[in-house]
């Protein structure tokens, strides 16, 4: 599902509401690393287990996050354009 939001606060509320009411794994694309870090921190504070991947991480950090997502340790994966290069998620 795609959601268009006017401002950051509205986006935060919409994302949390969507994730809190949706079962299964969810991939969330963020347009910047700063946005990804902010969302990850906020969602963790709200009690949602999330993993994150972005271009400034080392490859092993990205793999660890993907393993957590595919292994079921967390149902939410936040990603920047690094994920647009292709992810093999089964």
Protein backbone atom coordinates (compact mmCIF):
# COMPACT_ATOMS: atom_id res chain seq x y z
CA UNK A 1 0.00 0.00 0.00
CA UNK A 2 1.21 3.50 -0.75
CA UNK A 3 0.37 6.37 1.59
CA UNK A 4 0.95 10.04 0.76
CA UNK A 5 1.35 12.34 3.76
CA UNK A 6 1.57 16.11 3.97
CA UNK A 7 4.02 16.47 6.85
CA UNK A 8 6.37 14.45 9.04
CA UNK A 9 4.00 14.15 12.00
CA UNK A 10 1.20 12.88 9.79
CA UNK A 11 3.59 10.41 8.17
CA UNK A 12 4.70 9.15 11.58
CA UNK A 13 1.12 8.61 12.72
CA UNK A 14 0.08 6.93 9.46
CA UNK A 15 3.07 4.61 9.44
CA UNK A 16 2.60 3.57 13.07
CA UNK A 17 -1.14 3.03 12.59
CA UNK A 18 -0.51 0.94 9.50
CA UNK A 19 2.21 -1.18 11.09
CA UNK A 20 0.30 -1.66 14.35
CA UNK A 21 -2.74 -3.00 12.52
CA UNK A 22 -1.04 -5.04 9.78
CA UNK A 23 0.13 -8.59 10.23
CA UNK A 24 3.03 -10.08 8.34
CA UNK A 25 6.25 -8.62 7.07
CA UNK A 26 6.36 -5.05 5.80
CA UNK A 27 9.07 -3.28 3.81
CA UNK A 28 9.09 0.50 4.30
CA UNK A 29 11.15 2.72 1.98
CA UNK A 30 12.53 5.97 3.37
CA UNK A 31 13.85 8.77 1.18
CA UNK A 32 16.92 9.50 3.31
CA UNK A 33 19.12 7.89 5.92
CA UNK A 34 18.16 10.60 8.42
CA UNK A 35 14.48 9.80 7.88
CA UNK A 36 15.17 6.07 8.24
CA UNK A 37 17.03 6.56 11.51
CA UNK A 38 14.28 8.80 12.89
CA UNK A 39 11.56 6.32 11.94
CA UNK A 40 13.53 3.37 13.34
CA UNK A 41 14.02 5.14 16.67
CA UNK A 42 10.38 6.19 16.87
CA UNK A 43 9.01 2.75 16.03
CA UNK A 44 11.33 1.07 18.54
CA UNK A 45 10.19 3.51 21.24
CA UNK A 46 6.61 2.57 20.39
CA UNK A 47 7.45 -1.10 20.87
CA UNK A 48 7.69 -2.32 17.29
CA UNK A 49 10.72 -4.47 16.48
CA UNK A 50 12.29 -3.09 13.30
CA UNK A 51 15.39 -3.72 11.24
CA UNK A 52 16.98 -1.15 8.95
CA UNK A 53 19.31 -1.17 5.96
CA UNK A 54 21.00 1.77 4.29
CA UNK A 55 24.11 2.56 2.26
CA UNK A 56 26.22 3.77 5.19
CA UNK A 57 26.07 0.39 6.92
CA UNK A 58 28.70 -2.26 6.49
CA UNK A 59 27.63 -5.26 4.44
CA UNK A 60 27.53 -7.52 7.53
CA UNK A 61 25.17 -5.06 9.27
CA UNK A 62 22.86 -5.14 6.25
CA UNK A 63 22.94 -8.94 6.18
CA UNK A 64 22.18 -9.10 9.91
CA UNK A 65 19.15 -6.82 9.42
CA UNK A 66 17.94 -8.91 6.48
CA UNK A 67 18.37 -12.10 8.51
CA UNK A 68 16.29 -10.60 11.33
CA UNK A 69 13.58 -9.68 8.84
CA UNK A 70 13.51 -12.94 6.90
CA UNK A 71 13.96 -15.01 10.07
CA UNK A 72 10.92 -13.50 11.74
CA UNK A 73 12.71 -11.63 14.55
CA UNK A 74 11.16 -8.42 13.25
CA UNK A 75 8.27 -7.85 10.87
CA UNK A 76 9.32 -4.41 9.67
CA UNK A 77 12.31 -3.59 7.47
CA UNK A 78 13.11 0.08 6.88
CA UNK A 79 15.26 0.68 3.81
CA UNK A 80 16.69 3.47 1.70
CA UNK A 81 17.68 3.21 -1.95
CA UNK A 82 20.17 0.46 -1.08
CA UNK A 83 17.20 -1.94 -1.19
CA UNK A 84 16.24 -0.75 -4.67
CA UNK A 85 19.29 -2.58 -5.97
CA UNK A 86 17.49 -5.80 -5.31
CA UNK A 87 16.75 -7.88 -2.24
CA UNK A 88 16.26 -11.61 -2.21
CA UNK A 89 13.56 -12.00 0.44
CA UNK A 90 11.67 -15.26 0.62
